[in-house]
């Protein structure tokens, strides 16, 4: 079957998908609209925020501050801390110099930065076909033929979304509201669709041929 074939329900012959027997009615699907995907994104954002907050307590760098006392005499000359005891006159003052020491910050930052990538890629490439947020909203990420996407497609989809669709004024995301099959830029490049779960509704758009 061509990769440009519509997902199940778009007039495809019965039994063409998921190993169905000939004569079995194909399920009806509709493309997920912009606002459904926004709600799913917000739910995933809450879940990811909670995960990163909890992990932050374990992988965040250890920060310690050592204070060095630097006495200054009336002439403006600095003195060794050991000599402070012999200078008790009021005109003698000292300042405290902080020295901040941190733990392995780059490693912790890298780990926290990878959490969203791992979350989206593994969930969307799995048999769940979507993140928890998408599943709550009854959405699935599928191939152009309605099947499970590959790990490579999930990675490509996330990279384009993270580095192009969102940063460039959200144009790649807003495209979902205007493209025929409700695809964002990341969907178009990765060859994916986001569809609603099985329903009896009739899709409002004709299939792309």
N, C-alpha and C. Protein backbone atom coordinates (compact mmCIF):
# COMPACT_ATOMS: atom_id res chain seq x y z
N UNK A 1 0.85 -1.19 0.00
CA UNK A 1 0.00 0.00 0.00
C UNK A 1 0.88 1.23 0.00
N UNK A 2 0.49 2.24 -0.74
CA UNK A 2 1.25 3.48 -0.81
C UNK A 2 1.27 4.18 0.53
N UNK A 3 2.40 4.88 0.81
CA UNK A 3 2.51 5.62 2.06
C UNK A 3 1.54 6.78 2.12
N UNK A 4 0.97 7.18 0.98
CA UNK A 4 0.02 8.28 0.97
C UNK A 4 -1.40 7.82 1.19
N UNK A 5 -1.58 6.53 1.47
CA UNK A 5 -2.92 6.01 1.69
C UNK A 5 -3.54 6.65 2.92
N UNK A 6 -4.84 6.89 2.90
CA UNK A 6 -5.49 7.52 4.05
C UNK A 6 -5.57 6.57 5.23
N UNK A 7 -5.77 7.09 6.43
CA UNK A 7 -5.93 6.23 7.60
C UNK A 7 -7.24 5.47 7.53
N UNK A 8 -7.45 4.49 8.40
CA UNK A 8 -8.69 3.71 8.38
C UNK A 8 -9.93 4.58 8.45
N UNK A 9 -10.91 4.22 7.65
CA UNK A 9 -12.16 4.96 7.66
C UNK A 9 -12.31 5.91 6.50
N UNK A 10 -11.20 6.14 5.76
CA UNK A 10 -11.26 7.08 4.64
C UNK A 10 -11.57 6.35 3.34
N UNK A 11 -12.56 5.52 3.37
CA UNK A 11 -12.99 4.85 2.15
C UNK A 11 -12.12 3.68 1.75
N UNK A 12 -11.22 3.26 2.64
CA UNK A 12 -10.35 2.13 2.31
C UNK A 12 -11.15 0.83 2.37
N UNK A 13 -10.81 -0.16 1.56
CA UNK A 13 -11.53 -1.44 1.59
C UNK A 13 -11.43 -2.07 2.97
N UNK A 14 -12.47 -2.76 3.36
CA UNK A 14 -12.48 -3.46 4.65
C UNK A 14 -11.38 -4.52 4.66
N UNK A 15 -10.75 -4.69 5.83
CA UNK A 15 -9.75 -5.72 5.98
C UNK A 15 -8.37 -5.31 5.54
N UNK A 16 -8.17 -4.04 5.13
CA UNK A 16 -6.87 -3.59 4.67
C UNK A 16 -5.94 -3.19 5.81
N UNK A 17 -6.45 -3.04 7.03
CA UNK A 17 -5.65 -2.53 8.12
C UNK A 17 -5.65 -3.48 9.30
N UNK A 18 -4.50 -3.53 10.01
CA UNK A 18 -4.37 -4.26 11.26
C UNK A 18 -4.70 -5.75 11.10
N UNK A 19 -4.52 -6.31 9.93
CA UNK A 19 -4.74 -7.73 9.74
C UNK A 19 -6.21 -8.14 9.80
N UNK A 20 -7.12 -7.22 9.53
CA UNK A 20 -8.54 -7.56 9.59
C UNK A 20 -8.90 -8.51 8.45
N UNK A 21 -9.85 -9.36 8.70
CA UNK A 21 -10.32 -10.28 7.68
C UNK A 21 -11.14 -9.54 6.63
N UNK A 22 -11.08 -9.98 5.38
CA UNK A 22 -11.91 -9.35 4.35
C UNK A 22 -13.38 -9.35 4.75
N UNK A 23 -14.02 -8.23 4.50
CA UNK A 23 -15.42 -8.10 4.83
C UNK A 23 -15.66 -7.48 6.20
N UNK A 24 -14.59 -7.33 7.00
CA UNK A 24 -14.73 -6.69 8.30
C UNK A 24 -14.82 -5.18 8.11
N UNK A 25 -15.84 -4.52 8.67
CA UNK A 25 -15.95 -3.07 8.48
C UNK A 25 -14.74 -2.34 9.06
N UNK A 26 -14.19 -1.43 8.29
CA UNK A 26 -13.05 -0.64 8.76
C UNK A 26 -13.52 0.39 9.77
N UNK A 27 -12.76 0.64 10.81
CA UNK A 27 -13.15 1.65 11.80
C UNK A 27 -13.14 3.05 11.19
N UNK A 28 -13.88 3.94 11.80
CA UNK A 28 -13.96 5.31 11.32
C UNK A 28 -13.04 6.17 12.17
N UNK A 29 -12.21 6.99 11.50
CA UNK A 29 -11.27 7.84 12.21
C UNK A 29 -11.43 9.28 11.72
N UNK A 30 -11.04 10.21 12.58
CA UNK A 30 -11.00 11.61 12.15
C UNK A 30 -9.67 12.21 12.58
N UNK A 31 -9.19 13.20 11.85
CA UNK A 31 -7.95 13.87 12.21
C UNK A 31 -8.15 14.70 13.46
N UNK A 32 -7.15 14.71 14.33
CA UNK A 32 -7.23 15.47 15.58
C UNK A 32 -7.06 16.96 15.28
N UNK A 33 -7.98 17.76 15.77
CA UNK A 33 -7.94 19.19 15.55
C UNK A 33 -6.91 19.90 16.43
N UNK A 34 -6.74 21.18 16.17
CA UNK A 34 -5.73 21.99 16.86
C UNK A 34 -5.94 22.00 18.36
N UNK A 35 -7.17 22.28 18.81
CA UNK A 35 -7.40 22.45 20.24
C UNK A 35 -7.31 21.14 21.01
N UNK A 36 -7.68 20.02 20.40
CA UNK A 36 -7.49 18.74 21.07
C UNK A 36 -6.01 18.50 21.34
N UNK A 37 -5.17 18.88 20.38
CA UNK A 37 -3.74 18.68 20.55
C UNK A 37 -3.16 19.65 21.57
N UNK A 38 -3.74 20.84 21.68
CA UNK A 38 -3.30 21.79 22.71
C UNK A 38 -3.58 21.22 24.10
N UNK A 39 -4.80 20.68 24.30
CA UNK A 39 -5.14 20.11 25.59
C UNK A 39 -4.23 18.94 25.94
N UNK A 40 -3.93 18.11 24.95
CA UNK A 40 -3.02 16.99 25.19
C UNK A 40 -1.63 17.48 25.58
N UNK A 41 -1.18 18.53 24.90
CA UNK A 41 0.14 19.11 25.19
C UNK A 41 0.19 19.66 26.62
N UNK A 42 -0.88 20.32 27.06
CA UNK A 42 -0.91 20.87 28.41
C UNK A 42 -0.87 19.76 29.47
N UNK A 43 -1.60 18.68 29.22
CA UNK A 43 -1.59 17.55 30.16
C UNK A 43 -0.19 16.95 30.24
N UNK A 44 0.45 16.77 29.07
CA UNK A 44 1.81 16.24 29.07
C UNK A 44 2.77 17.20 29.77
N UNK A 45 2.54 18.51 29.61
CA UNK A 45 3.39 19.48 30.27
C UNK A 45 3.31 19.36 31.79
N UNK A 46 2.12 19.13 32.30
CA UNK A 46 1.94 18.96 33.75
C UNK A 46 2.66 17.70 34.23
N UNK A 47 2.52 16.61 33.47
CA UNK A 47 3.17 15.35 33.84
C UNK A 47 4.69 15.50 33.81
N UNK A 48 5.21 16.12 32.74
CA UNK A 48 6.65 16.30 32.63
C UNK A 48 7.18 17.22 33.73
N UNK A 49 6.40 18.26 34.06
CA UNK A 49 6.82 19.17 35.12
C UNK A 49 6.96 18.45 36.45
N UNK A 50 6.01 17.56 36.72
CA UNK A 50 6.06 16.80 37.98
C UNK A 50 7.26 15.86 37.98
N UNK A 51 7.51 15.19 36.85
CA UNK A 51 8.64 14.26 36.76
C UNK A 51 9.96 15.00 36.97
N UNK A 52 10.13 16.14 36.29
CA UNK A 52 11.38 16.88 36.39
C UNK A 52 11.57 17.48 37.78
N UNK A 53 10.47 17.87 38.43
CA UNK A 53 10.58 18.41 39.79
C UNK A 53 11.07 17.35 40.76
N UNK A 54 10.51 16.15 40.65
CA UNK A 54 10.92 15.07 41.54
C UNK A 54 12.38 14.68 41.28
N UNK A 55 12.73 14.51 40.00
CA UNK A 55 14.10 14.13 39.66
C UNK A 55 15.10 15.22 40.02
N UNK A 56 14.63 16.48 39.99
CA UNK A 56 15.51 17.58 40.31
C UNK A 56 16.08 17.50 41.71
N UNK A 57 15.32 16.91 42.63
CA UNK A 57 15.80 16.77 44.00
C UNK A 57 16.96 15.77 44.10
N UNK A 58 17.03 14.85 43.12
CA UNK A 58 18.06 13.81 43.18
C UNK A 58 19.26 14.11 42.29
N UNK A 59 19.04 14.82 41.17
CA UNK A 59 20.14 15.03 40.23
C UNK A 59 20.60 16.47 40.17
N UNK A 60 19.92 17.38 40.85
CA UNK A 60 20.35 18.78 40.83
C UNK A 60 21.73 18.89 41.48
N UNK A 61 22.54 19.84 41.04
CA UNK A 61 23.90 19.95 41.58
C UNK A 61 23.90 20.36 43.05
N UNK A 62 24.89 19.86 43.79
CA UNK A 62 25.08 20.28 45.17
C UNK A 62 25.79 21.62 45.19
N UNK A 63 25.19 22.57 45.85
CA UNK A 63 25.76 23.91 45.92
C UNK A 63 26.20 24.19 47.34
N UNK A 64 27.46 24.55 47.52
CA UNK A 64 27.99 24.91 48.83
C UNK A 64 28.71 26.24 48.73
N UNK A 65 28.72 26.97 49.83
CA UNK A 65 29.35 28.29 49.86
C UNK A 65 30.37 28.32 51.00
N UNK A 66 31.61 28.62 50.64
CA UNK A 66 32.66 28.82 51.63
C UNK A 66 32.93 30.32 51.75
N UNK A 67 32.95 30.80 52.98
CA UNK A 67 33.16 32.23 53.21
C UNK A 67 34.59 32.46 53.71
N UNK A 68 35.29 33.34 53.04
CA UNK A 68 36.65 33.70 53.43
C UNK A 68 36.62 35.12 54.01
N UNK A 69 37.12 35.25 55.23
CA UNK A 69 37.15 36.57 55.86
C UNK A 69 38.42 37.30 55.43
N UNK A 70 38.26 38.50 54.93
CA UNK A 70 39.38 39.29 54.44
C UNK A 70 39.43 40.61 55.20
N UNK A 71 40.21 40.68 56.29
CA UNK A 71 40.29 41.93 57.07
C UNK A 71 40.99 43.04 56.30
N UNK A 72 40.60 44.24 56.58
CA UNK A 72 41.19 45.42 55.95
C UNK A 72 41.52 46.42 57.05
N UNK A 73 42.77 46.87 57.12
CA UNK A 73 43.12 47.83 58.16
C UNK A 73 42.82 49.25 57.69
N UNK A 74 43.10 50.20 58.53
CA UNK A 74 42.78 51.58 58.21
C UNK A 74 43.48 52.11 56.99
N UNK A 75 44.58 51.53 56.63
CA UNK A 75 45.31 52.00 55.45
C UNK A 75 44.81 51.40 54.16
N UNK A 76 43.84 50.53 54.31
CA UNK A 76 43.29 49.89 53.12
C UNK A 76 44.02 48.65 52.72
N UNK A 77 45.00 48.24 53.52
CA UNK A 77 45.76 47.04 53.22
C UNK A 77 45.07 45.82 53.80
N UNK A 78 45.06 44.73 53.08
CA UNK A 78 44.46 43.51 53.58
C UNK A 78 45.41 42.80 54.53
N UNK A 79 44.83 42.02 55.45
CA UNK A 79 45.62 41.29 56.42
C UNK A 79 45.22 39.83 56.38
N UNK A 80 46.08 39.00 56.86
CA UNK A 80 45.76 37.58 56.99
C UNK A 80 44.75 37.38 58.10
N UNK A 81 43.89 36.39 57.93
CA UNK A 81 42.87 36.12 58.93
C UNK A 81 43.51 35.81 60.28
N UNK A 82 44.68 35.20 60.27
CA UNK A 82 45.35 34.80 61.51
C UNK A 82 45.72 36.03 62.35
N UNK A 83 45.97 37.16 61.69
CA UNK A 83 46.41 38.36 62.39
C UNK A 83 45.26 39.21 62.92
N UNK A 84 44.01 38.80 62.69
CA UNK A 84 42.87 39.62 63.08
C UNK A 84 42.84 39.83 64.58
N UNK A 85 43.20 38.80 65.37
CA UNK A 85 43.09 38.88 66.83
C UNK A 85 43.92 40.01 67.41
N UNK A 86 45.02 40.40 66.76
CA UNK A 86 45.88 41.45 67.28
C UNK A 86 45.42 42.84 66.90
N UNK A 87 44.38 42.90 66.13
CA UNK A 87 43.85 44.20 65.71
C UNK A 87 42.38 44.26 66.11
N UNK A 88 42.11 44.83 67.28
CA UNK A 88 40.75 44.89 67.80
C UNK A 88 40.21 46.31 67.78
N UNK A 89 40.94 47.23 67.20
CA UNK A 89 40.49 48.61 67.15
C UNK A 89 39.25 48.71 66.27
N UNK A 90 38.33 49.62 66.58
CA UNK A 90 37.10 49.76 65.79
C UNK A 90 37.34 50.09 64.34
N UNK A 91 38.51 50.78 64.10
CA UNK A 91 38.72 51.17 62.70
C UNK A 91 39.11 49.99 61.82
N UNK A 92 39.43 48.87 62.45
CA UNK A 92 39.75 47.69 61.66
C UNK A 92 38.47 46.96 61.25
N UNK A 93 38.27 46.75 59.96
CA UNK A 93 37.09 46.07 59.45
C UNK A 93 37.51 44.89 58.59
N UNK A 94 36.58 44.04 58.31
CA UNK A 94 36.85 42.90 57.44
C UNK A 94 35.65 42.64 56.56
N UNK A 95 35.88 42.02 55.44
CA UNK A 95 34.81 41.67 54.52
C UNK A 95 34.80 40.16 54.33
N UNK A 96 33.64 39.63 54.00
CA UNK A 96 33.50 38.20 53.75
C UNK A 96 33.40 37.96 52.25
N UNK A 97 34.26 37.13 51.73
CA UNK A 97 34.29 36.81 50.30
C UNK A 97 33.71 35.41 50.11
N UNK A 98 32.57 35.30 49.39
CA UNK A 98 31.99 33.97 49.18
C UNK A 98 32.67 33.21 48.04
N UNK A 99 32.85 31.93 48.24
CA UNK A 99 33.35 31.04 47.19
C UNK A 99 32.32 29.94 47.01
N UNK A 100 31.67 29.94 45.85
CA UNK A 100 30.58 29.00 45.58
C UNK A 100 31.11 27.78 44.84
N UNK A 101 30.78 26.62 45.35
CA UNK A 101 31.20 25.36 44.74
C UNK A 101 29.95 24.57 44.34
N UNK A 102 29.94 24.09 43.11
CA UNK A 102 28.79 23.33 42.63
C UNK A 102 29.22 21.93 42.23
N UNK A 103 28.22 21.04 42.19
CA UNK A 103 28.46 19.66 41.79
C UNK A 103 28.48 19.53 40.28
N UNK A 104 28.21 18.32 39.76
CA UNK A 104 28.27 18.06 38.31
C UNK A 104 27.07 18.65 37.57
N UNK A 105 27.01 19.95 37.45
CA UNK A 105 25.88 20.63 36.82
C UNK A 105 25.62 20.21 35.37
N UNK A 106 26.65 20.14 34.49
CA UNK A 106 26.36 19.77 33.08
C UNK A 106 25.65 18.43 32.96
N UNK A 107 26.04 17.45 33.73
CA UNK A 107 25.42 16.13 33.64
C UNK A 107 23.95 16.18 34.07
N UNK A 108 23.68 16.90 35.15
CA UNK A 108 22.30 17.02 35.63
C UNK A 108 21.44 17.76 34.61
N UNK A 109 21.97 18.82 34.04
CA UNK A 109 21.22 19.59 33.04
C UNK A 109 20.91 18.75 31.82
N UNK A 110 21.89 17.96 31.38
CA UNK A 110 21.68 17.11 30.21
C UNK A 110 20.60 16.08 30.47
N UNK A 111 20.62 15.49 31.66
CA UNK A 111 19.62 14.48 32.00
C UNK A 111 18.22 15.08 32.01
N UNK A 112 18.06 16.24 32.65
CA UNK A 112 16.75 16.88 32.72
C UNK A 112 16.28 17.32 31.34
N UNK A 113 17.22 17.73 30.48
CA UNK A 113 16.85 18.17 29.13
C UNK A 113 16.41 17.00 28.26
N UNK A 114 16.92 15.80 28.56
CA UNK A 114 16.58 14.63 27.75
C UNK A 114 15.24 14.01 28.14
N UNK A 115 14.73 14.35 29.31
CA UNK A 115 13.49 13.73 29.78
C UNK A 115 12.33 13.95 28.79
N UNK A 116 12.08 15.20 28.32
CA UNK A 116 10.98 15.36 27.35
C UNK A 116 11.18 14.54 26.08
N UNK A 117 12.42 14.46 25.59
CA UNK A 117 12.68 13.69 24.38
C UNK A 117 12.38 12.22 24.60
N UNK A 118 12.86 11.67 25.70
CA UNK A 118 12.60 10.26 26.01
C UNK A 118 11.10 10.02 26.17
N UNK A 119 10.43 10.92 26.85
CA UNK A 119 8.99 10.81 27.12
C UNK A 119 8.20 10.74 25.82
N UNK A 120 8.40 11.72 24.93
CA UNK A 120 7.61 11.78 23.70
C UNK A 120 7.98 10.66 22.73
N UNK A 121 9.28 10.43 22.56
CA UNK A 121 9.72 9.44 21.57
C UNK A 121 9.26 8.03 21.95
N UNK A 122 9.49 7.63 23.19
CA UNK A 122 9.15 6.26 23.58
C UNK A 122 7.65 6.02 23.61
N UNK A 123 6.88 6.98 24.09
CA UNK A 123 5.44 6.79 24.14
C UNK A 123 4.83 6.76 22.73
N UNK A 124 5.27 7.68 21.86
CA UNK A 124 4.65 7.76 20.53
C UNK A 124 5.07 6.60 19.64
N UNK A 125 6.25 6.04 19.87
CA UNK A 125 6.69 4.91 19.06
C UNK A 125 6.24 3.57 19.64
N UNK A 126 5.59 3.61 20.78
CA UNK A 126 5.14 2.37 21.43
C UNK A 126 3.77 1.95 20.90
N UNK A 127 3.30 0.82 21.41
CA UNK A 127 1.97 0.35 21.01
C UNK A 127 0.85 1.25 21.51
N UNK A 128 1.15 2.15 22.46
CA UNK A 128 0.15 3.13 22.92
C UNK A 128 -0.13 4.18 21.86
N UNK A 129 0.85 4.40 20.99
CA UNK A 129 0.73 5.37 19.88
C UNK A 129 0.48 6.79 20.36
N UNK A 130 0.95 7.11 21.52
CA UNK A 130 0.77 8.48 22.01
C UNK A 130 1.20 8.63 23.45
N UNK A 131 1.45 9.84 23.84
CA UNK A 131 1.80 10.15 25.22
C UNK A 131 0.57 10.02 26.11
N UNK A 132 0.75 9.99 27.43
CA UNK A 132 -0.41 9.96 28.32
C UNK A 132 -1.39 11.10 28.06
N UNK A 133 -0.87 12.28 27.77
CA UNK A 133 -1.76 13.41 27.47
C UNK A 133 -2.61 13.14 26.24
N UNK A 134 -2.00 12.59 25.21
CA UNK A 134 -2.75 12.26 24.00
C UNK A 134 -3.78 11.15 24.27
N UNK A 135 -3.39 10.18 25.05
CA UNK A 135 -4.31 9.08 25.32
C UNK A 135 -5.51 9.55 26.15
N UNK A 136 -5.28 10.47 27.09
CA UNK A 136 -6.40 11.03 27.85
C UNK A 136 -7.38 11.72 26.91
N UNK A 137 -6.84 12.39 25.90
CA UNK A 137 -7.69 13.09 24.92
C UNK A 137 -8.09 12.18 23.76
N UNK A 138 -7.78 10.90 23.86
CA UNK A 138 -8.14 9.90 22.86
C UNK A 138 -7.54 10.22 21.49
N UNK A 139 -6.25 10.58 21.51
CA UNK A 139 -5.52 10.87 20.28
C UNK A 139 -4.43 9.83 20.08
N UNK A 140 -4.09 9.59 18.82
CA UNK A 140 -3.04 8.64 18.48
C UNK A 140 -2.15 9.23 17.40
N UNK A 141 -0.86 8.97 17.49
CA UNK A 141 0.09 9.34 16.45
C UNK A 141 0.33 8.13 15.58
N UNK A 142 0.04 8.25 14.29
CA UNK A 142 0.13 7.09 13.40
C UNK A 142 0.85 7.48 12.12
N UNK A 143 1.19 6.47 11.32
CA UNK A 143 1.77 6.71 10.01
C UNK A 143 0.68 7.20 9.06
N UNK A 144 1.09 7.55 7.86
CA UNK A 144 0.12 8.00 6.87
C UNK A 144 -0.85 6.89 6.46
N UNK A 145 -0.48 5.64 6.76
CA UNK A 145 -1.36 4.51 6.45
C UNK A 145 -2.13 4.05 7.68
N UNK A 146 -1.98 4.76 8.81
CA UNK A 146 -2.73 4.42 10.00
C UNK A 146 -2.05 3.43 10.91
N UNK A 147 -0.78 3.11 10.67
CA UNK A 147 -0.08 2.15 11.50
C UNK A 147 0.77 2.79 12.58
N UNK A 148 1.44 1.97 13.37
CA UNK A 148 2.31 2.45 14.44
C UNK A 148 3.57 3.07 13.85
N UNK A 149 3.98 4.24 14.35
CA UNK A 149 5.15 4.89 13.80
C UNK A 149 6.41 4.22 14.32
N UNK A 150 7.50 4.37 13.59
CA UNK A 150 8.77 3.77 13.98
C UNK A 150 9.50 4.68 14.97
N UNK A 151 10.53 4.11 15.58
CA UNK A 151 11.35 4.89 16.51
C UNK A 151 12.02 6.05 15.78
N UNK A 152 12.47 5.82 14.56
CA UNK A 152 13.12 6.87 13.77
C UNK A 152 12.13 8.00 13.48
N UNK A 153 10.91 7.66 13.13
CA UNK A 153 9.90 8.69 12.88
C UNK A 153 9.60 9.49 14.15
N UNK A 154 9.54 8.80 15.29
CA UNK A 154 9.26 9.49 16.55
C UNK A 154 10.39 10.45 16.90
N UNK A 155 11.64 10.03 16.68
CA UNK A 155 12.78 10.90 16.95
C UNK A 155 12.76 12.10 16.03
N UNK A 156 12.57 11.87 14.73
CA UNK A 156 12.53 12.96 13.76
C UNK A 156 11.40 13.92 14.08
N UNK A 157 10.25 13.40 14.44
CA UNK A 157 9.09 14.22 14.77
C UNK A 157 9.39 15.12 15.97
N UNK A 158 10.04 14.56 16.99
CA UNK A 158 10.34 15.36 18.18
C UNK A 158 11.40 16.43 17.87
N UNK A 159 12.44 16.06 17.13
CA UNK A 159 13.51 17.02 16.82
C UNK A 159 12.96 18.21 16.04
N UNK A 160 12.14 17.94 15.02
CA UNK A 160 11.57 19.04 14.22
C UNK A 160 10.65 19.89 15.09
N UNK A 161 9.86 19.25 15.93
CA UNK A 161 8.94 20.00 16.79
C UNK A 161 9.69 20.86 17.79
N UNK A 162 10.76 20.31 18.39
CA UNK A 162 11.49 21.01 19.44
C UNK A 162 12.36 22.15 18.90
N UNK A 163 12.93 21.96 17.70
CA UNK A 163 13.91 22.93 17.20
C UNK A 163 13.40 23.80 16.06
N UNK A 164 12.23 23.46 15.49
CA UNK A 164 11.71 24.28 14.38
C UNK A 164 10.26 24.70 14.64
N UNK A 165 9.37 23.74 14.85
CA UNK A 165 7.94 24.05 14.96
C UNK A 165 7.64 25.02 16.10
N UNK A 166 8.23 24.79 17.27
CA UNK A 166 7.99 25.66 18.43
C UNK A 166 8.83 26.93 18.41
N UNK A 167 10.15 26.85 18.21
CA UNK A 167 10.96 28.07 18.30
C UNK A 167 10.62 29.15 17.27
N UNK A 168 10.26 28.75 16.05
CA UNK A 168 10.00 29.72 15.00
C UNK A 168 8.57 30.24 15.07
N UNK A 169 8.30 30.99 16.16
CA UNK A 169 7.00 31.65 16.36
C UNK A 169 5.83 30.68 16.34
N UNK A 170 6.07 29.41 16.64
CA UNK A 170 5.03 28.38 16.70
C UNK A 170 4.34 28.15 15.35
N UNK A 171 4.99 28.61 14.28
CA UNK A 171 4.36 28.49 12.96
C UNK A 171 4.13 27.02 12.61
N UNK A 172 5.11 26.17 12.91
CA UNK A 172 4.96 24.76 12.60
C UNK A 172 3.85 24.09 13.37
N UNK A 173 3.49 24.65 14.52
CA UNK A 173 2.39 24.11 15.31
C UNK A 173 1.06 24.67 14.83
N UNK A 174 1.02 25.96 14.55
CA UNK A 174 -0.21 26.61 14.08
C UNK A 174 -0.69 26.01 12.77
N UNK A 175 0.25 25.44 12.01
CA UNK A 175 -0.13 24.81 10.74
C UNK A 175 -1.19 23.74 10.93
N UNK A 176 -1.27 23.16 12.11
CA UNK A 176 -2.26 22.11 12.38
C UNK A 176 -3.67 22.63 12.10
N UNK A 177 -3.92 23.89 12.40
CA UNK A 177 -5.26 24.45 12.23
C UNK A 177 -5.61 24.70 10.78
N UNK A 178 -4.62 24.67 9.87
CA UNK A 178 -4.89 25.07 8.49
C UNK A 178 -4.58 24.01 7.44
N UNK A 179 -3.84 22.98 7.79
CA UNK A 179 -3.54 21.94 6.80
C UNK A 179 -4.72 20.98 6.66
N UNK A 180 -4.80 20.35 5.52
CA UNK A 180 -5.95 19.53 5.19
C UNK A 180 -6.11 18.33 6.13
N UNK A 181 -4.98 17.73 6.48
CA UNK A 181 -5.04 16.55 7.35
C UNK A 181 -4.57 16.87 8.77
N UNK A 182 -4.68 18.16 9.15
CA UNK A 182 -4.37 18.60 10.51
C UNK A 182 -2.94 18.22 10.91
N UNK A 183 -2.00 18.45 9.99
CA UNK A 183 -0.61 18.11 10.25
C UNK A 183 0.19 19.36 10.58
N UNK A 184 1.04 19.26 11.61
CA UNK A 184 2.01 20.30 11.87
C UNK A 184 3.22 20.07 10.98
N UNK A 185 4.17 21.01 11.03
CA UNK A 185 5.37 20.86 10.22
C UNK A 185 6.09 19.56 10.57
N UNK A 186 6.14 19.23 11.85
CA UNK A 186 6.82 18.00 12.28
C UNK A 186 6.11 16.76 11.77
N UNK A 187 4.78 16.84 11.63
CA UNK A 187 4.04 15.70 11.06
C UNK A 187 4.34 15.55 9.57
N UNK A 188 4.38 16.68 8.86
CA UNK A 188 4.63 16.63 7.42
C UNK A 188 6.01 16.06 7.12
N UNK A 189 7.01 16.48 7.90
CA UNK A 189 8.38 16.02 7.64
C UNK A 189 8.56 14.57 8.07
N UNK A 190 7.98 14.19 9.21
CA UNK A 190 8.14 12.82 9.72
C UNK A 190 7.18 11.83 9.06
N UNK A 191 6.19 12.32 8.32
CA UNK A 191 5.23 11.43 7.68
C UNK A 191 4.27 10.80 8.68
N UNK A 192 3.73 11.64 9.57
CA UNK A 192 2.82 11.14 10.60
C UNK A 192 1.51 11.90 10.60
N UNK A 193 0.52 11.30 11.25
CA UNK A 193 -0.78 11.93 11.45
C UNK A 193 -1.15 11.80 12.92
N UNK A 194 -1.96 12.72 13.41
CA UNK A 194 -2.55 12.59 14.73
C UNK A 194 -4.05 12.47 14.53
N UNK A 195 -4.61 11.34 14.95
CA UNK A 195 -6.02 11.07 14.70
C UNK A 195 -6.75 10.82 16.00
N UNK A 196 -8.07 10.99 15.96
CA UNK A 196 -8.89 10.68 17.11
C UNK A 196 -9.09 9.18 17.21
N UNK A 197 -9.39 8.71 18.41
CA UNK A 197 -9.65 7.30 18.59
C UNK A 197 -10.91 6.90 17.84
N UNK A 198 -11.16 5.60 17.77
CA UNK A 198 -12.26 5.10 16.97
C UNK A 198 -13.57 5.78 17.36
N UNK A 199 -14.31 6.18 16.36
CA UNK A 199 -15.55 6.90 16.58
C UNK A 199 -16.54 6.56 15.48
N UNK A 200 -17.79 6.87 15.70
CA UNK A 200 -18.81 6.65 14.68
C UNK A 200 -19.08 7.91 13.88
N UNK A 201 -18.36 8.99 14.19
CA UNK A 201 -18.58 10.25 13.47
C UNK A 201 -18.00 10.15 12.06
N UNK A 202 -18.51 10.98 11.20
CA UNK A 202 -18.01 11.07 9.84
C UNK A 202 -16.99 12.19 9.79
N UNK A 203 -15.80 11.93 9.27
CA UNK A 203 -14.77 12.95 9.21
C UNK A 203 -15.19 14.10 8.32
N UNK A 204 -14.88 15.36 8.70
CA UNK A 204 -15.33 16.51 7.94
C UNK A 204 -14.54 16.79 6.69
N UNK A 205 -13.42 16.10 6.47
CA UNK A 205 -12.59 16.38 5.30
C UNK A 205 -12.49 15.14 4.42
N UNK A 206 -12.34 15.38 3.15
CA UNK A 206 -12.13 14.30 2.21
C UNK A 206 -10.69 13.85 2.28
N UNK A 207 -10.40 12.58 2.02
CA UNK A 207 -9.02 12.11 2.08
C UNK A 207 -8.15 12.76 1.01
N UNK A 208 -6.88 12.91 1.36
CA UNK A 208 -5.91 13.44 0.42
C UNK A 208 -5.53 12.34 -0.57
N UNK A 209 -5.60 12.63 -1.81
CA UNK A 209 -5.28 11.62 -2.84
C UNK A 209 -4.12 12.08 -3.68
